[in-house]
Amino acid sequence: MAAANVQVSRNSGKAGTAVTASGNGFFAGEEVKISYATGLSAPNPTKVVICTATVAADTSYTCNGHIPSGTTAGVKGAHKITAKGVTSGLKATTTFTRTKT
């Protein structure tokens, strides 16, 4: 099986930007949660789930969501996007650069 991976349809944009997350390399039938690291400290959310997908038989997945808006978007700059298999614990990451509010 190939290494788990994730891509987002846009690498940068403002808070609230619509994105499609996709990838492969997770286990068929597994749920994959795509989260956005806010860069904030507790008690603020340190990450926000932007979408959840079920992996297809060919190990691919796709889901649609939005980069957080308001205070949960964090500061401008690079933010890690992580795809994590709920059952397997496999992880893949990419980066989204928040440009403005």
C-alpha atoms as a PDB file:
ATOM      1  CA  MET A   1       0.000   0.000   0.000  1.00  0.00           C
ATOM      2  CA  ALA A   2       1.256   3.490  -0.849  1.00  0.00           C
ATOM      3  CA  ALA A   3       2.055   5.953   1.921  1.00  0.00           C
ATOM      4  CA  ALA A   4      -0.950   7.961   3.112  1.00  0.00           C
ATOM      5  CA  ASN A   5      -1.202  11.419   1.567  1.00  0.00           C
ATOM      6  CA  VAL A   6      -3.450  14.486   1.475  1.00  0.00           C
ATOM      7  CA  GLN A   7      -3.834  17.436  -0.876  1.00  0.00           C
ATOM      8  CA  VAL A   8      -6.146  20.429  -0.696  1.00  0.00           C
ATOM      9  CA  SER A   9      -7.653  22.123  -3.725  1.00  0.00           C
ATOM     10  CA  ARG A  10      -6.201  25.484  -2.670  1.00  0.00           C
ATOM     11  CA  ASN A  11      -2.813  26.020  -1.005  1.00  0.00           C
ATOM     12  CA  SER A  12      -3.666  29.507   0.214  1.00  0.00           C
ATOM     13  CA  GLY A  13      -6.558  31.870   0.791  1.00  0.00           C
ATOM     14  CA  LYS A  14      -8.460  33.855   3.357  1.00  0.00           C
ATOM     15  CA  ALA A  15     -10.300  32.515   6.407  1.00  0.00           C
ATOM     16  CA  GLY A  16     -13.482  30.740   5.322  1.00  0.00           C
ATOM     17  CA  THR A  17     -12.038  29.567   1.982  1.00  0.00           C
ATOM     18  CA  ALA A  18     -13.825  26.506   0.554  1.00  0.00           C
ATOM     19  CA  VAL A  19     -11.463  23.561   0.010  1.00  0.00           C
ATOM     20  CA  THR A  20     -11.660  19.993  -1.221  1.00  0.00           C
ATOM     21  CA  ALA A  21      -9.338  17.561   0.539  1.00  0.00           C
ATOM     22  CA  SER A  22      -8.338  14.377  -1.249  1.00  0.00           C
ATOM     23  CA  GLY A  23      -5.717  11.683  -1.145  1.00  0.00           C
ATOM     24  CA  ASN A  24      -5.121   7.974  -0.788  1.00  0.00           C
ATOM     25  CA  GLY A  25      -3.108   5.383   1.098  1.00  0.00           C
ATOM     26  CA  PHE A  26      -5.522   4.837   4.008  1.00  0.00           C
ATOM     27  CA  PHE A  27      -7.472   1.603   4.586  1.00  0.00           C
ATOM     28  CA  ALA A  28     -10.640   0.929   2.579  1.00  0.00           C
ATOM     29  CA  GLY A  29     -13.757   1.702   4.629  1.00  0.00           C
ATOM     30  CA  GLU A  30     -11.827   3.731   7.191  1.00  0.00           C
ATOM     31  CA  GLU A  31     -12.991   7.182   8.243  1.00  0.00           C
ATOM     32  CA  VAL A  32     -10.426   9.944   7.664  1.00  0.00           C
ATOM     33  CA  LYS A  33     -10.716  13.268   9.480  1.00  0.00           C
ATOM     34  CA  ILE A  34      -9.131  16.326   7.891  1.00  0.00           C
ATOM     35  CA  SER A  35      -8.120  18.968  10.429  1.00  0.00           C
ATOM     36  CA  TYR A  36      -6.676  22.477  10.303  1.00  0.00           C
ATOM     37  CA  ALA A  37      -4.085  23.489  12.914  1.00  0.00           C
ATOM     38  CA  THR A  38      -5.093  26.941  14.170  1.00  0.00           C
ATOM     39  CA  GLY A  39      -1.785  27.820  15.838  1.00  0.00           C
ATOM     40  CA  LEU A  40      -3.801  29.023  18.841  1.00  0.00           C
ATOM     41  CA  SER A  41      -3.188  28.085  22.479  1.00  0.00           C
ATOM     42  CA  ALA A  42      -5.701  26.508  24.852  1.00  0.00           C
ATOM     43  CA  PRO A  43      -8.410  27.282  25.823  1.00  0.00           C
ATOM     44  CA  ASN A  44      -8.874  28.161  22.136  1.00  0.00           C
ATOM     45  CA  PRO A  45      -9.137  25.215  19.736  1.00  0.00           C
ATOM     46  CA  THR A  46      -5.679  24.107  18.558  1.00  0.00           C
ATOM     47  CA  LYS A  47      -7.232  22.303  15.587  1.00  0.00           C
ATOM     48  CA  VAL A  48     -10.564  22.303  13.767  1.00  0.00           C
ATOM     49  CA  VAL A  49     -11.961  19.368  11.747  1.00  0.00           C
ATOM     50  CA  ILE A  50     -12.818  20.762   8.315  1.00  0.00           C
ATOM     51  CA  CYS A  51     -14.290  17.567   6.807  1.00  0.00           C
ATOM     52  CA  THR A  52     -14.555  13.796   7.187  1.00  0.00           C
ATOM     53  CA  ALA A  53     -14.392  11.158   4.431  1.00  0.00           C
ATOM     54  CA  THR A  54     -14.847   7.418   4.115  1.00  0.00           C
ATOM     55  CA  VAL A  55     -12.028   5.740   2.198  1.00  0.00           C
ATOM     56  CA  ALA A  56     -13.041   3.936  -1.015  1.00  0.00           C
ATOM     57  CA  ALA A  57     -11.954   0.414  -2.005  1.00  0.00           C
ATOM     58  CA  ASP A  58      -9.065   1.872  -4.050  1.00  0.00           C
ATOM     59  CA  THR A  59      -7.847   3.702  -0.868  1.00  0.00           C
ATOM     60  CA  SER A  60      -8.854   7.140  -2.216  1.00  0.00           C
ATOM     61  CA  TYR A  61     -10.963   9.703  -0.369  1.00  0.00           C
ATOM     62  CA  THR A  62     -12.410  13.157  -1.007  1.00  0.00           C
ATOM     63  CA  CYS A  63     -14.339  15.589   1.185  1.00  0.00           C
ATOM     64  CA  ASN A  64     -15.350  19.246   1.093  1.00  0.00           C
ATOM     65  CA  GLY A  65     -15.089  21.827   3.833  1.00  0.00           C
ATOM     66  CA  HIS A  66     -13.979  25.336   4.711  1.00  0.00           C
ATOM     67  CA  ILE A  67     -10.908  26.796   6.335  1.00  0.00           C
ATOM     68  CA  PRO A  68     -12.152  28.143   9.699  1.00  0.00           C
ATOM     69  CA  SER A  69     -13.218  31.758   9.937  1.00  0.00           C
ATOM     70  CA  GLY A  70     -13.264  34.232  12.804  1.00  0.00           C
ATOM     71  CA  THR A  71     -11.027  33.652  15.793  1.00  0.00           C
ATOM     72  CA  THR A  72     -10.618  29.912  15.069  1.00  0.00           C
ATOM     73  CA  ALA A  73      -8.745  30.712  11.825  1.00  0.00           C
ATOM     74  CA  GLY A  74      -5.624  31.701  13.771  1.00  0.00           C
ATOM     75  CA  VAL A  75      -3.106  34.239  12.514  1.00  0.00           C
ATOM     76  CA  LYS A  76      -2.102  34.829   8.901  1.00  0.00           C
ATOM     77  CA  GLY A  77       0.592  32.460   7.648  1.00  0.00           C
ATOM     78  CA  ALA A  78       1.186  28.737   7.191  1.00  0.00           C
ATOM     79  CA  HIS A  79      -1.172  26.229   8.875  1.00  0.00           C
ATOM     80  CA  LYS A  80      -0.822  22.450   8.850  1.00  0.00           C
ATOM     81  CA  ILE A  81      -3.650  20.385   7.322  1.00  0.00           C
ATOM     82  CA  THR A  82      -3.647  16.809   8.656  1.00  0.00           C
ATOM     83  CA  ALA A  83      -5.539  13.762   7.395  1.00  0.00           C
ATOM     84  CA  LYS A  84      -5.783  11.114  10.108  1.00  0.00           C
ATOM     85  CA  GLY A  85      -7.242   7.626   9.806  1.00  0.00           C
ATOM     86  CA  VAL A  86      -9.586   7.100  12.750  1.00  0.00           C
ATOM     87  CA  THR A  87      -8.934   3.341  12.945  1.00  0.00           C
ATOM     88  CA  SER A  88      -5.346   3.013  11.692  1.00  0.00           C
ATOM     89  CA  GLY A  89      -3.936   6.231  13.143  1.00  0.00           C
ATOM     90  CA  LEU A  90      -2.128   6.842   9.834  1.00  0.00           C
ATOM     91  CA  LYS A  91      -1.418  10.533   9.203  1.00  0.00           C
ATOM     92  CA  ALA A  92      -0.572  12.692   6.221  1.00  0.00           C
ATOM     93  CA  THR A  93       0.007  16.447   6.183  1.00  0.00           C
ATOM     94  CA  THR A  94       0.130  19.406   3.832  1.00  0.00           C
ATOM     95  CA  THR A  95       0.145  23.173   4.323  1.00  0.00           C
ATOM     96  CA  PHE A  96      -2.458  25.897   3.772  1.00  0.00           C
ATOM     97  CA  THR A  97      -1.305  29.520   3.950  1.00  0.00           C
ATOM     98  CA  ARG A  98      -3.933  31.891   5.354  1.00  0.00           C
ATOM     99  CA  THR A  99      -3.529  35.211   3.575  1.00  0.00           C
ATOM    100  CA  LYS A 100      -6.075  37.568   5.212  1.00  0.00           C
ATOM    101  CA  THR A 101      -9.346  37.631   7.141  1.00  0.00           C
END
